[in-house]
Amino acid sequence: MLAWEKFGHGETPESTGLKGDKLVGKYYVAFEKELQEQTKPVLASLLDNDFSKFPQLETKISPINAERIVFEEKIKIVLANFEIPVNTLSVKIKDAYQAGKDGTNTFKNILKILKDDKTDEISEKEIEAFEKNVKPIITLEIKLSEKVSEVLEVARLQTPIMKEAQDMLLKWEANDPEVKALWAKMNGWVYKGFEETYKNIGVDFDSYYYESDTYLLGKDVVADGLEKGVFFKKEDGSVWIDLTEDGLDEKLVLRKDGTSVYITQDIGTAIQRVKDFPDVGGMVYTVGNEQDYHFKVLFLILKKLGFDWAANLYHLSYGMVDLPSGKMKSREGTVVDADDLMAEMTDTAQKISEELGKLEGYSDEEKLRLYRIIGLGALKYYILKVDPKKRILFDPKESVDFAGNTGPFIQYTYARIQSLLRRADFDISVSLAPAEVNLHEKEKELLKIVSLYPEVIQAAADSHSPALIANYTYDLVREYNSFYQSVPVLGTEVLNEKVFRIQLSKKVGETIKSAFGLLGIEVPERM
């Protein structure tokens, strides 16, 4: 809101031709860009122990700087005895270490990164020598970066633009009419844009909860918890909870100026949901793994506040989705736009379908609908086939491959089955007794897999993993194609065999459609 006021010159979705969410996102990035520029001189001053402009920060920052200097000196000492010619370790290497922390394999991987060689074998002796020299530096640099991050966080808060944003927040919480009007207008832009995207991808919601509606409830609960001793107030007036005995840290729940933070709003939202749906058996929070700590804190606070239902809260912590171009960062604007990605997937499906040349007799409207079903199916399946907890690399072209473990491959098999059913010129509703059909080995295998479907659904629910359904569907389709290649379906001369094989094919098709329906993926009748 502040960035739009400062730099927007009255732009609207109508005047720019941008979807509302994209226009607001543009100013989200603009704010961060300006914040970074204003932070640089403040950070430099604080790191140099120059507190002439920020005397109130000296007692806070000086001890951090003292520790930082100690770490820098220790790194110099370790580097003086360093046997491998590496001066400093890149962020990439530190990230690899923090992600692994499992000894030899981690150091082997880091060594490969340093050598920029993914193929040559590295000896255990070389790894041991490397670990001896590198581990102390990595450990120290991580601690050093944590100290710099502490100073950076304080520096960001001292910038003029951040202070203006805080003032705007105070006005918002005080129901300032101008700020509220701007908020309502820009919020309207965002949600109108979101609705368009949700409609395109086939997502809908039973109810919405806005932080703007639940933050007051959260603040009331914090005030009540303060009286009961669940929370405590610091000298500056800010309110906290001490979770150190539970293996966590102290957590801020209200700023010193009385404004709420994310955790306050989440407390209010959780309580409101249970008020609205008193019979709810639990809640699943589907949020990225970067928020693991946040949800540990949230659930623990709700338990300490005495809410029994807090025991049934679950964070479905999913891994990030990377693209060949690298990690996405919304504050920097390095994101993949959902609308653009869906359009790209549809275009890719169109190119591949046209190359295969199997769309004779389709109208232009039918073709466009098919491209969309294939493109979105490829996108959704490629992501959902991986356990949600794992980080994945999404490759748009690979996902639209018509062979292998992909959405289009499964959709194509479904369409093939529907083609078989259309060609069956006999009554397929006949009930056959077991004795009337001699089952082929392939039919037995296929029946076994089909019969597992209810168990797979239950397992997916228990483990919060759609990947189980996705991969089950692929296994079913692969087995069906093996059956189709090995056993004549319409080509057999024995009527009972023909009837049974069509019935079995129909059941497989129904299972594919049901499974893909659970994943939010459409299946085409023809391809």
Protein backbone atom coordinates (compact mmCIF):
# COMPACT_ATOMS: atom_id res chain seq x y z
CA MET A 1 0.00 0.00 0.00
CA LEU A 2 2.78 2.41 0.95
CA ALA A 3 4.79 1.64 -2.21
CA TRP A 4 1.71 2.17 -4.39
CA GLU A 5 1.10 5.54 -2.70
CA LYS A 6 4.75 6.55 -3.21
CA PHE A 7 5.46 5.19 -6.67
CA GLY A 8 2.13 4.18 -8.23
CA HIS A 9 0.89 7.50 -9.66
CA GLY A 10 -2.68 6.23 -9.30
CA GLU A 11 -2.23 3.09 -11.42
CA THR A 12 -5.16 0.65 -11.50
CA PRO A 13 -5.70 -2.78 -13.09
CA GLU A 14 -7.86 -1.03 -15.71
CA SER A 15 -5.28 1.66 -16.56
CA THR A 16 -2.40 -0.85 -16.82
CA GLY A 17 -4.21 -3.90 -18.22
CA LEU A 18 -2.68 -5.98 -15.41
CA LYS A 19 -4.60 -8.47 -13.27
CA GLY A 20 -5.15 -6.93 -9.84
CA ASP A 21 -2.99 -9.42 -7.97
CA LYS A 22 -0.11 -8.78 -10.40
CA LEU A 23 -0.40 -5.01 -10.00
CA VAL A 24 -0.30 -5.23 -6.21
CA GLY A 25 2.55 -7.76 -6.44
CA LYS A 26 4.50 -5.23 -8.49
CA TYR A 27 4.38 -2.78 -5.55
CA TYR A 28 5.18 -5.52 -3.04
CA VAL A 29 8.45 -5.93 -4.95
CA ALA A 30 8.89 -2.15 -5.25
CA PHE A 31 8.65 -1.78 -1.45
CA GLU A 32 11.31 -4.46 -0.89
CA LYS A 33 13.62 -2.89 -3.47
CA GLU A 34 13.39 0.52 -1.79
CA LEU A 35 13.77 -1.08 1.65
CA GLN A 36 16.98 -2.81 0.57
CA GLU A 37 18.41 0.46 -0.77
CA GLN A 38 17.59 2.30 2.46
CA THR A 39 18.94 -0.56 4.60
CA LYS A 40 22.44 -0.58 3.06
CA PRO A 41 23.80 2.61 4.72
CA VAL A 42 22.10 1.79 8.04
CA LEU A 43 23.58 -1.72 8.06
CA ALA A 44 27.04 -0.40 7.18
CA SER A 45 26.88 2.06 10.11
CA LEU A 46 25.73 -0.57 12.59
CA LEU A 47 28.36 -3.12 11.48
CA ASP A 48 31.01 -0.41 11.93
CA ASN A 49 29.73 0.35 15.45
CA ASP A 50 28.76 3.85 14.30
CA PHE A 51 25.75 4.69 16.47
CA SER A 52 25.76 8.48 15.93
CA LYS A 53 22.34 8.30 14.22
CA PHE A 54 21.04 5.37 16.27
CA PRO A 55 22.26 5.85 19.88
CA GLN A 56 19.36 3.77 21.22
CA LEU A 57 20.75 0.69 19.43
CA GLU A 58 24.27 0.68 20.85
CA THR A 59 23.50 -1.61 23.81
CA LYS A 60 21.73 -4.06 21.49
CA ILE A 61 24.12 -4.13 18.53
CA SER A 62 27.56 -3.76 20.20
CA PRO A 63 27.49 -7.24 21.83
CA ILE A 64 26.42 -8.82 18.50
CA ASN A 65 29.27 -7.04 16.69
CA ALA A 66 31.74 -8.19 19.35
CA GLU A 67 30.72 -11.82 18.73
CA ARG A 68 30.88 -11.25 14.99
CA ILE A 69 34.47 -10.00 15.21
CA VAL A 70 35.41 -13.05 17.29
CA PHE A 71 33.99 -15.34 14.58
CA GLU A 72 35.86 -13.42 11.85
CA GLU A 73 39.15 -13.84 13.73
CA LYS A 74 38.52 -17.55 14.27
CA ILE A 75 37.86 -18.02 10.55
CA LYS A 76 41.18 -16.30 9.73
CA ILE A 77 43.00 -18.66 12.10
CA VAL A 78 41.40 -21.73 10.55
CA LEU A 79 42.08 -20.46 7.03
CA ALA A 80 45.74 -19.90 7.93
CA ASN A 81 46.07 -23.69 8.33
CA PHE A 82 43.77 -24.53 5.44
CA GLU A 83 45.26 -27.17 3.14
CA ILE A 84 42.80 -26.75 0.27
CA PRO A 85 42.93 -23.42 -1.65
CA VAL A 86 39.50 -22.04 -0.77
CA ASN A 87 39.24 -18.59 0.76
CA THR A 88 35.59 -18.46 1.66
CA LEU A 89 32.71 -20.88 1.26
CA SER A 90 29.80 -19.84 -0.91
CA VAL A 91 26.19 -19.65 0.25
CA LYS A 92 25.50 -22.66 -1.97
CA ILE A 93 28.00 -24.78 -0.04
CA LYS A 94 26.71 -23.63 3.35
CA ASP A 95 23.17 -24.44 2.21
CA ALA A 96 24.33 -27.92 1.13
CA TYR A 97 25.87 -28.45 4.55
CA GLN A 98 22.80 -27.25 6.46
CA ALA A 99 20.49 -29.36 4.27
CA GLY A 100 22.57 -32.49 4.83
CA LYS A 101 24.51 -32.50 8.08
CA ASP A 102 24.94 -36.25 7.67
CA GLY A 103 28.72 -36.53 7.63
CA THR A 104 30.60 -38.08 4.75
CA ASN A 105 27.94 -37.73 2.06
CA THR A 106 27.49 -34.03 2.77
CA PHE A 107 31.21 -33.33 2.57
CA LYS A 108 31.49 -35.46 -0.56
CA ASN A 109 28.77 -33.35 -2.17
CA ILE A 110 30.41 -30.10 -1.08
CA LEU A 111 33.73 -31.30 -2.45
CA LYS A 112 32.02 -31.97 -5.78
CA ILE A 113 30.58 -28.46 -5.76
CA LEU A 114 34.02 -26.96 -5.10
CA LYS A 115 35.59 -29.04 -7.83
CA ASP A 116 32.64 -28.32 -10.11
CA ASP A 117 32.88 -31.94 -11.17
CA LYS A 118 29.90 -34.24 -10.75
CA THR A 119 31.43 -37.37 -12.29
CA ASP A 120 34.87 -38.10 -10.86
CA GLU A 121 34.96 -40.40 -7.86
CA ILE A 122 36.36 -38.85 -4.69
CA SER A 123 38.36 -40.99 -2.30
CA GLU A 124 37.41 -41.41 1.37
CA LYS A 125 40.83 -40.10 2.33
CA GLU A 126 40.24 -36.93 0.34
CA ILE A 127 36.82 -36.50 1.99
CA GLU A 128 38.28 -36.94 5.49
CA ALA A 129 41.01 -34.37 4.82
CA PHE A 130 38.47 -31.99 3.37
CA GLU A 131 36.08 -32.43 6.30
CA LYS A 132 38.88 -31.77 8.80
CA ASN A 133 39.66 -28.45 7.12
CA VAL A 134 36.25 -27.31 5.97
CA LYS A 135 33.85 -28.24 8.77
CA PRO A 136 35.23 -25.64 11.24
CA ILE A 137 34.97 -22.90 8.61
CA ILE A 138 31.41 -23.81 7.60
CA THR A 139 30.36 -23.91 11.26
CA LEU A 140 31.93 -20.52 11.95
CA GLU A 141 30.59 -18.90 8.78
CA ILE A 142 27.07 -20.07 9.58
CA LYS A 143 27.34 -18.52 13.06
CA LEU A 144 28.84 -15.37 11.54
CA SER A 145 26.01 -15.06 8.99
CA GLU A 146 23.47 -15.49 11.81
CA LYS A 147 25.03 -12.54 13.66
CA VAL A 148 25.02 -10.40 10.51
CA SER A 149 21.36 -11.38 9.96
CA GLU A 150 20.52 -10.15 13.46
CA VAL A 151 22.07 -6.75 12.69
CA LEU A 152 20.34 -6.70 9.27
CA GLU A 153 16.94 -7.26 10.86
CA VAL A 154 17.48 -4.33 13.23
CA ALA A 155 18.79 -2.16 10.37
CA ARG A 156 15.67 -2.79 8.26
CA LEU A 157 13.48 -1.54 11.10
CA GLN A 158 15.42 1.77 11.28
CA THR A 159 14.76 2.77 7.66
CA PRO A 160 12.34 5.62 6.90
CA ILE A 161 10.19 3.47 4.62
CA MET A 162 9.78 0.72 7.25
CA LYS A 163 8.83 3.30 9.85
CA GLU A 164 6.26 4.74 7.44
CA ALA A 165 4.88 1.23 6.91
CA GLN A 166 4.60 0.75 10.69
CA ASP A 167 2.80 4.08 10.98
CA MET A 168 0.39 2.96 8.26
CA LEU A 169 -0.25 -0.28 10.12
CA LEU A 170 -1.05 1.65 13.30
CA LYS A 171 -3.49 3.80 11.32
CA TRP A 172 -5.05 0.68 9.82
CA GLU A 173 -5.57 -0.88 13.26
CA ALA A 174 -7.03 2.45 14.44
CA ASN A 175 -9.53 2.34 11.52
CA ASP A 176 -8.18 5.44 9.81
CA PRO A 177 -10.74 6.02 7.00
CA GLU A 178 -8.21 6.86 4.25
CA VAL A 179 -5.91 3.91 5.03
CA LYS A 180 -8.89 1.53 5.32
CA ALA A 181 -10.28 2.76 1.98
CA LEU A 182 -6.95 2.19 0.23
CA TRP A 183 -6.65 -1.25 1.85
CA ALA A 184 -10.16 -2.23 0.72
CA LYS A 185 -9.45 -1.06 -2.83
CA MET A 186 -6.13 -2.89 -3.20
CA ASN A 187 -7.45 -6.01 -1.44
CA GLY A 188 -10.32 -6.02 -3.93
CA TRP A 189 -7.83 -5.94 -6.81
CA VAL A 190 -5.93 -8.89 -5.36
CA TYR A 191 -8.91 -11.15 -4.71
CA LYS A 192 -10.46 -10.47 -8.10
CA GLY A 193 -7.17 -11.54 -9.69
CA PHE A 194 -6.91 -14.59 -7.43
CA GLU A 195 -10.46 -15.70 -8.30
CA GLU A 196 -9.60 -15.71 -12.01
CA THR A 197 -6.54 -17.87 -11.42
CA TYR A 198 -8.34 -20.26 -9.05
CA LYS A 199 -11.12 -20.70 -11.60
CA ASN A 200 -8.60 -21.50 -14.34
CA ILE A 201 -6.79 -24.13 -12.27
CA GLY A 202 -9.99 -25.66 -10.86
CA VAL A 203 -9.63 -24.63 -7.21
CA ASP A 204 -12.48 -23.47 -4.99
CA PHE A 205 -12.99 -22.76 -1.29
CA ASP A 206 -15.85 -23.42 1.13
CA SER A 207 -15.02 -20.35 3.20
CA TYR A 208 -12.41 -17.61 3.48
CA TYR A 209 -10.76 -16.34 6.66
CA TYR A 210 -9.09 -12.96 6.51
CA GLU A 211 -6.39 -11.94 8.97
CA SER A 212 -8.06 -8.53 9.01
CA ASP A 213 -11.11 -10.18 10.59
CA THR A 214 -9.32 -12.42 13.08
CA TYR A 215 -6.46 -10.27 14.41
CA LEU A 216 -8.68 -8.60 17.02
CA LEU A 217 -9.76 -11.98 18.36
CA GLY A 218 -6.06 -12.95 18.49
CA LYS A 219 -5.24 -9.78 20.44
CA ASP A 220 -8.09 -10.46 22.89
CA VAL A 221 -6.82 -14.00 23.46
CA VAL A 222 -3.29 -12.65 24.05
CA ALA A 223 -4.66 -10.15 26.61
CA ASP A 224 -6.50 -12.98 28.35
CA GLY A 225 -3.37 -15.17 28.27
CA LEU A 226 -1.33 -12.30 29.71
CA GLU A 227 -3.63 -12.19 32.75
CA LYS A 228 -3.33 -15.97 33.18
CA GLY A 229 0.47 -15.90 32.95
CA VAL A 230 0.74 -17.71 29.63
CA PHE A 231 2.38 -14.59 28.14
CA PHE A 232 4.59 -11.93 29.69
CA LYS A 233 5.29 -8.26 28.96
CA LYS A 234 8.79 -6.86 28.42
CA GLU A 235 9.94 -3.41 29.55
CA ASP A 236 9.26 -1.87 26.14
CA GLY A 237 5.60 -3.01 26.33
CA SER A 238 5.87 -5.87 23.82
CA VAL A 239 4.20 -9.18 24.75
CA TRP A 240 5.99 -12.54 24.49
CA ILE A 241 5.71 -16.21 25.38
CA ASP A 242 8.68 -18.18 26.75
CA LEU A 243 8.91 -21.59 25.09
CA THR A 244 12.52 -22.35 26.04
CA GLU A 245 11.50 -25.19 28.34
CA ASP A 246 9.81 -26.81 25.33
CA GLY A 247 13.01 -26.62 23.27
CA LEU A 248 11.93 -23.49 21.37
CA ASP A 249 12.67 -19.77 21.88
CA GLU A 250 10.86 -16.76 23.22
CA LYS A 251 8.20 -15.67 20.73
CA LEU A 252 6.79 -12.16 20.17
CA VAL A 253 2.96 -12.09 20.04
CA LEU A 254 2.31 -8.33 20.22
CA ARG A 255 4.69 -5.50 19.22
CA LYS A 256 5.50 -2.74 21.68
CA ASP A 257 3.15 -0.40 19.80
CA GLY A 258 0.32 -2.92 20.34
CA THR A 259 0.07 -4.09 16.71
CA SER A 260 -0.32 -7.78 15.98
CA VAL A 261 2.10 -10.15 14.24
CA TYR A 262 1.44 -13.25 12.11
CA ILE A 263 1.24 -15.57 15.11
CA THR A 264 -1.42 -13.35 16.76
CA GLN A 265 -3.58 -13.48 13.64
CA ASP A 266 -3.11 -17.25 13.31
CA ILE A 267 -4.21 -17.76 16.92
CA GLY A 268 -7.39 -15.78 16.20
CA THR A 269 -8.04 -17.62 12.91
CA ALA A 270 -7.68 -21.08 14.47
CA ILE A 271 -10.09 -20.22 17.28
CA GLN A 272 -12.62 -18.68 14.87
CA ARG A 273 -12.59 -21.76 12.62
CA VAL A 274 -13.40 -24.04 15.55
CA LYS A 275 -16.18 -21.65 16.63
CA ASP A 276 -17.65 -21.81 13.12
CA PHE A 277 -17.19 -25.58 12.78
CA PRO A 278 -17.48 -27.01 16.32
CA ASP A 279 -17.57 -30.61 15.09
CA VAL A 280 -14.22 -30.30 13.27
CA GLY A 281 -11.98 -33.29 14.06
CA GLY A 282 -8.74 -31.47 13.32
CA MET A 283 -7.12 -28.99 10.94
CA VAL A 284 -4.41 -29.50 8.34
CA TYR A 285 -2.26 -26.45 7.56
CA THR A 286 -0.84 -26.88 4.05
CA VAL A 287 2.11 -24.48 4.14
CA GLY A 288 5.73 -24.69 2.91
CA ASN A 289 8.49 -26.14 5.08
CA GLU A 290 10.02 -22.70 5.54
CA GLN A 291 7.27 -22.18 8.14
CA ASP A 292 7.96 -25.36 10.17
CA TYR A 293 9.05 -23.41 13.25
CA HIS A 294 6.10 -21.02 13.04
CA PHE A 295 3.57 -23.86 13.23
CA LYS A 296 5.39 -25.63 16.06
CA VAL A 297 5.07 -22.38 18.01
CA LEU A 298 1.43 -21.81 17.00
CA PHE A 299 0.27 -25.29 17.99
CA LEU A 300 2.17 -25.14 21.29
CA ILE A 301 0.72 -21.72 22.18
CA LEU A 302 -2.82 -22.96 21.50
CA LYS A 303 -2.19 -25.98 23.77
CA LYS A 304 -0.84 -23.72 26.52
CA LEU A 305 -3.95 -21.55 26.18
CA GLY A 306 -5.97 -24.64 27.08
CA PHE A 307 -7.59 -25.55 23.74
CA ASP A 308 -7.97 -29.35 23.67
CA TRP A 309 -8.48 -29.40 19.89
CA ALA A 310 -4.93 -28.08 19.45
CA ALA A 311 -3.77 -31.70 19.79
CA ASN A 312 -5.42 -32.39 16.41
CA LEU A 313 -3.63 -29.67 14.43
CA TYR A 314 -1.26 -30.85 11.71
CA HIS A 315 1.19 -28.94 9.55
CA LEU A 316 1.45 -30.55 6.10
CA SER A 317 4.93 -29.17 5.51
CA TYR A 318 5.61 -29.35 1.80
CA GLY A 319 8.96 -29.00 0.08
CA MET A 320 9.62 -26.10 -2.24
CA VAL A 321 9.07 -26.37 -5.99
CA ASP A 322 12.11 -25.18 -7.93
CA LEU A 323 12.38 -24.55 -11.63
CA PRO A 324 15.43 -24.91 -13.89
CA SER A 325 15.83 -21.12 -13.50
CA GLY A 326 16.30 -21.43 -9.72
CA LYS A 327 14.52 -20.65 -6.44
CA MET A 328 11.54 -18.31 -6.44
CA LYS A 329 11.53 -15.25 -4.15
CA SER A 330 8.33 -13.22 -4.08
CA ARG A 331 9.90 -10.17 -2.40
CA GLU A 332 12.47 -9.91 -5.19
CA GLY A 333 9.94 -10.57 -7.93
CA THR A 334 11.73 -13.74 -9.06
CA VAL A 335 8.55 -15.78 -9.14
CA VAL A 336 6.81 -17.95 -11.67
CA ASP A 337 3.40 -16.53 -12.40
CA ALA A 338 0.67 -19.18 -12.11
CA ASP A 339 -1.27 -17.75 -15.06
CA ASP A 340 1.83 -17.71 -17.27
CA LEU A 341 2.76 -21.25 -16.22
CA MET A 342 -0.73 -22.57 -17.02
CA ALA A 343 -0.64 -20.86 -20.41
CA GLU A 344 2.82 -22.30 -21.10
CA MET A 345 1.65 -25.81 -20.16
CA THR A 346 -1.37 -25.51 -22.47
CA ASP A 347 0.87 -24.29 -25.33
CA THR A 348 3.29 -27.17 -24.77
CA ALA A 349 0.42 -29.67 -24.82
CA GLN A 350 -0.80 -28.13 -28.08
CA LYS A 351 2.61 -28.44 -29.78
CA ILE A 352 3.06 -32.07 -28.75
CA SER A 353 -0.53 -32.99 -29.69
CA GLU A 354 -0.13 -31.39 -33.12
CA GLU A 355 3.14 -33.27 -33.66
CA LEU A 356 1.40 -36.57 -32.82
CA GLY A 357 -1.34 -35.65 -35.31
CA LYS A 358 -4.25 -37.56 -33.76
CA LEU A 359 -6.85 -34.80 -33.60
CA GLU A 360 -8.67 -35.32 -36.89
CA GLY A 361 -12.35 -34.45 -36.62
CA TYR A 362 -11.90 -32.17 -33.59
CA SER A 363 -13.37 -28.66 -33.71
CA ASP A 364 -11.13 -25.76 -32.71
CA GLU A 365 -13.09 -25.44 -29.46
CA GLU A 366 -12.62 -29.16 -28.68
CA LYS A 367 -8.90 -28.89 -29.41
CA LEU A 368 -8.46 -25.92 -27.08
CA ARG A 369 -10.30 -27.72 -24.28
CA LEU A 370 -8.17 -30.84 -24.80
CA TYR A 371 -4.91 -28.84 -24.75
CA ARG A 372 -6.01 -27.28 -21.48
CA ILE A 373 -6.95 -30.64 -19.90
CA ILE A 374 -3.60 -32.15 -20.95
CA GLY A 375 -1.54 -29.11 -19.93
CA LEU A 376 -3.09 -28.68 -16.49
CA GLY A 377 -3.12 -32.44 -15.94
CA ALA A 378 0.60 -32.54 -16.69
CA LEU A 379 1.30 -29.65 -14.30
CA LYS A 380 -0.74 -31.02 -11.40
CA TYR A 381 0.36 -34.63 -11.77
CA TYR A 382 4.07 -33.81 -12.03
CA ILE A 383 3.91 -32.00 -8.69
CA LEU A 384 1.47 -34.34 -6.92
CA LYS A 385 3.32 -37.56 -7.80
CA VAL A 386 6.15 -36.51 -5.45
CA ASP A 387 5.68 -36.85 -1.70
CA PRO A 388 4.71 -33.34 -0.55
CA LYS A 389 7.50 -33.21 2.02
CA LYS A 390 10.18 -33.49 -0.68
CA ARG A 391 11.66 -30.59 -2.58
CA ILE A 392 11.18 -31.00 -6.33
CA LEU A 393 12.45 -29.55 -9.59
CA PHE A 394 9.60 -28.88 -12.00
CA ASP A 395 10.40 -29.26 -15.70
CA PRO A 396 7.43 -28.15 -17.86
CA LYS A 397 8.56 -30.02 -20.99
CA GLU A 398 9.24 -33.29 -19.17
CA SER A 399 5.84 -33.14 -17.48
CA VAL A 400 3.94 -33.18 -20.82
CA ASP A 401 5.73 -36.29 -22.11
CA PHE A 402 3.16 -38.81 -23.40
CA ALA A 403 5.27 -41.71 -22.11
CA GLY A 404 6.43 -42.54 -18.60
CA ASN A 405 5.11 -41.44 -15.23
CA THR A 406 3.23 -38.35 -16.42
CA GLY A 407 -0.31 -37.03 -16.40
CA PRO A 408 -0.74 -37.14 -20.21
CA PHE A 409 0.37 -40.81 -20.31
CA ILE A 410 -2.37 -41.72 -17.83
CA GLN A 411 -4.92 -39.51 -19.57
CA TYR A 412 -4.06 -41.17 -22.90
CA THR A 413 -4.66 -44.63 -21.42
CA TYR A 414 -8.04 -43.49 -20.07
CA ALA A 415 -8.99 -42.16 -23.53
CA ARG A 416 -7.88 -45.46 -25.10
CA ILE A 417 -10.20 -47.36 -22.73
CA GLN A 418 -13.12 -45.08 -23.63
CA SER A 419 -12.42 -45.75 -27.31
CA LEU A 420 -12.58 -49.51 -26.61
CA LEU A 421 -15.92 -49.11 -24.83
CA ARG A 422 -17.36 -47.12 -27.74
CA ARG A 423 -16.31 -49.88 -30.16
CA ALA A 424 -17.85 -52.68 -28.08
CA ASP A 425 -20.96 -53.64 -30.10
CA PHE A 426 -22.35 -56.14 -27.58
CA ASP A 427 -24.03 -56.10 -24.17
CA ILE A 428 -21.33 -55.45 -21.57
CA SER A 429 -23.71 -55.46 -18.59
CA VAL A 430 -23.89 -59.26 -18.49
CA SER A 431 -23.09 -60.82 -15.08
CA LEU A 432 -20.51 -63.59 -15.43
CA ALA A 433 -19.96 -66.37 -12.92
CA PRO A 434 -16.31 -67.08 -12.00
CA ALA A 435 -16.53 -70.48 -13.65
CA GLU A 436 -17.48 -68.87 -16.98
CA VAL A 437 -14.11 -67.14 -17.45
CA ASN A 438 -10.60 -68.57 -17.45
CA LEU A 439 -8.49 -65.70 -16.19
CA HIS A 440 -5.23 -64.87 -17.93
CA GLU A 441 -2.28 -64.13 -15.64
CA LYS A 442 -2.33 -60.48 -16.77
CA GLU A 443 -6.00 -60.22 -15.82
CA LYS A 444 -5.26 -61.57 -12.35
CA GLU A 445 -2.51 -58.99 -11.83
CA LEU A 446 -4.77 -56.20 -13.01
CA LEU A 447 -7.61 -57.30 -10.71
CA LYS A 448 -5.23 -57.31 -7.74
CA ILE A 449 -4.17 -53.71 -8.39
CA VAL A 450 -7.75 -52.50 -8.94
CA SER A 451 -8.81 -54.07 -5.64
CA LEU A 452 -6.12 -52.09 -3.76
CA TYR A 453 -7.69 -48.70 -4.61
CA PRO A 454 -9.69 -48.19 -1.34
CA GLU A 455 -6.61 -49.06 0.74
CA VAL A 456 -4.50 -46.57 -1.22
CA ILE A 457 -7.02 -43.78 -0.59
CA GLN A 458 -6.98 -44.53 3.14
CA ALA A 459 -3.17 -44.64 3.22
CA ALA A 460 -2.98 -41.32 1.34
CA ALA A 461 -5.36 -39.75 3.86
CA ASP A 462 -3.48 -41.15 6.86
CA SER A 463 -0.11 -39.93 5.56
CA HIS A 464 -1.39 -36.67 4.03
CA SER A 465 0.20 -37.68 0.73
CA PRO A 466 -1.62 -37.37 -2.62
CA ALA A 467 1.54 -38.91 -4.13
CA LEU A 468 0.31 -42.36 -3.07
CA ILE A 469 -2.80 -41.94 -5.23
CA ALA A 470 -0.82 -40.48 -8.14
CA ASN A 471 1.71 -43.30 -8.21
CA TYR A 472 -0.93 -45.96 -7.65
CA THR A 473 -2.72 -44.64 -10.76
CA TYR A 474 0.49 -44.85 -12.76
CA ASP A 475 1.07 -48.45 -11.59
CA LEU A 476 -2.51 -49.33 -12.56
CA VAL A 477 -2.14 -47.76 -16.00
CA ARG A 478 1.22 -49.44 -16.60
CA GLU A 479 -0.29 -52.82 -15.67
CA TYR A 480 -3.30 -52.15 -17.88
CA ASN A 481 -1.10 -51.32 -20.87
CA SER A 482 0.85 -54.53 -20.28
CA PHE A 483 -2.47 -56.42 -20.20
CA TYR A 484 -3.66 -54.62 -23.36
CA GLN A 485 -0.47 -55.58 -25.23
CA SER A 486 -0.54 -59.21 -24.05
CA VAL A 487 -4.23 -60.13 -24.20
CA PRO A 488 -6.68 -59.49 -27.08
CA VAL A 489 -9.63 -57.51 -25.78
CA LEU A 490 -12.04 -57.08 -28.69
CA GLY A 491 -9.99 -59.46 -30.81
CA THR A 492 -10.82 -62.65 -28.89
CA GLU A 493 -13.39 -65.02 -30.43
CA VAL A 494 -14.73 -66.17 -27.03
CA LEU A 495 -17.67 -63.93 -26.08
CA ASN A 496 -17.34 -64.38 -22.31
CA GLU A 497 -13.65 -63.39 -22.49
CA LYS A 498 -14.56 -60.36 -24.61
CA VAL A 499 -17.30 -59.29 -22.17
CA PHE A 500 -15.07 -59.76 -19.11
CA ARG A 501 -12.10 -57.89 -20.64
CA ILE A 502 -14.29 -54.95 -21.60
CA GLN A 503 -15.83 -54.95 -18.11
CA LEU A 504 -12.35 -55.04 -16.59
CA SER A 505 -11.23 -52.20 -18.89
CA LYS A 506 -14.31 -50.19 -17.88
CA LYS A 507 -13.49 -50.70 -14.18
CA VAL A 508 -9.88 -49.59 -14.75
CA GLY A 509 -11.17 -46.48 -16.56
CA GLU A 510 -13.53 -45.67 -13.69
CA THR A 511 -10.70 -46.08 -11.18
CA ILE A 512 -8.40 -43.79 -13.21
CA LYS A 513 -11.13 -41.14 -13.42
CA SER A 514 -11.89 -41.42 -9.69
CA ALA A 515 -8.21 -41.24 -8.69
CA PHE A 516 -7.50 -38.29 -10.95
CA GLY A 517 -10.67 -36.63 -9.65
CA LEU A 518 -9.20 -36.82 -6.14
CA LEU A 519 -6.08 -35.10 -7.49
CA GLY A 520 -8.15 -32.39 -9.21
CA ILE A 521 -7.18 -33.62 -12.69
CA GLU A 522 -9.61 -34.02 -15.57
CA VAL A 523 -9.53 -36.96 -18.01
CA PRO A 524 -10.53 -36.57 -21.69
CA GLU A 525 -12.93 -38.97 -23.41
CA ARG A 526 -10.82 -38.72 -26.57
CA MET A 527 -7.19 -37.91 -27.28
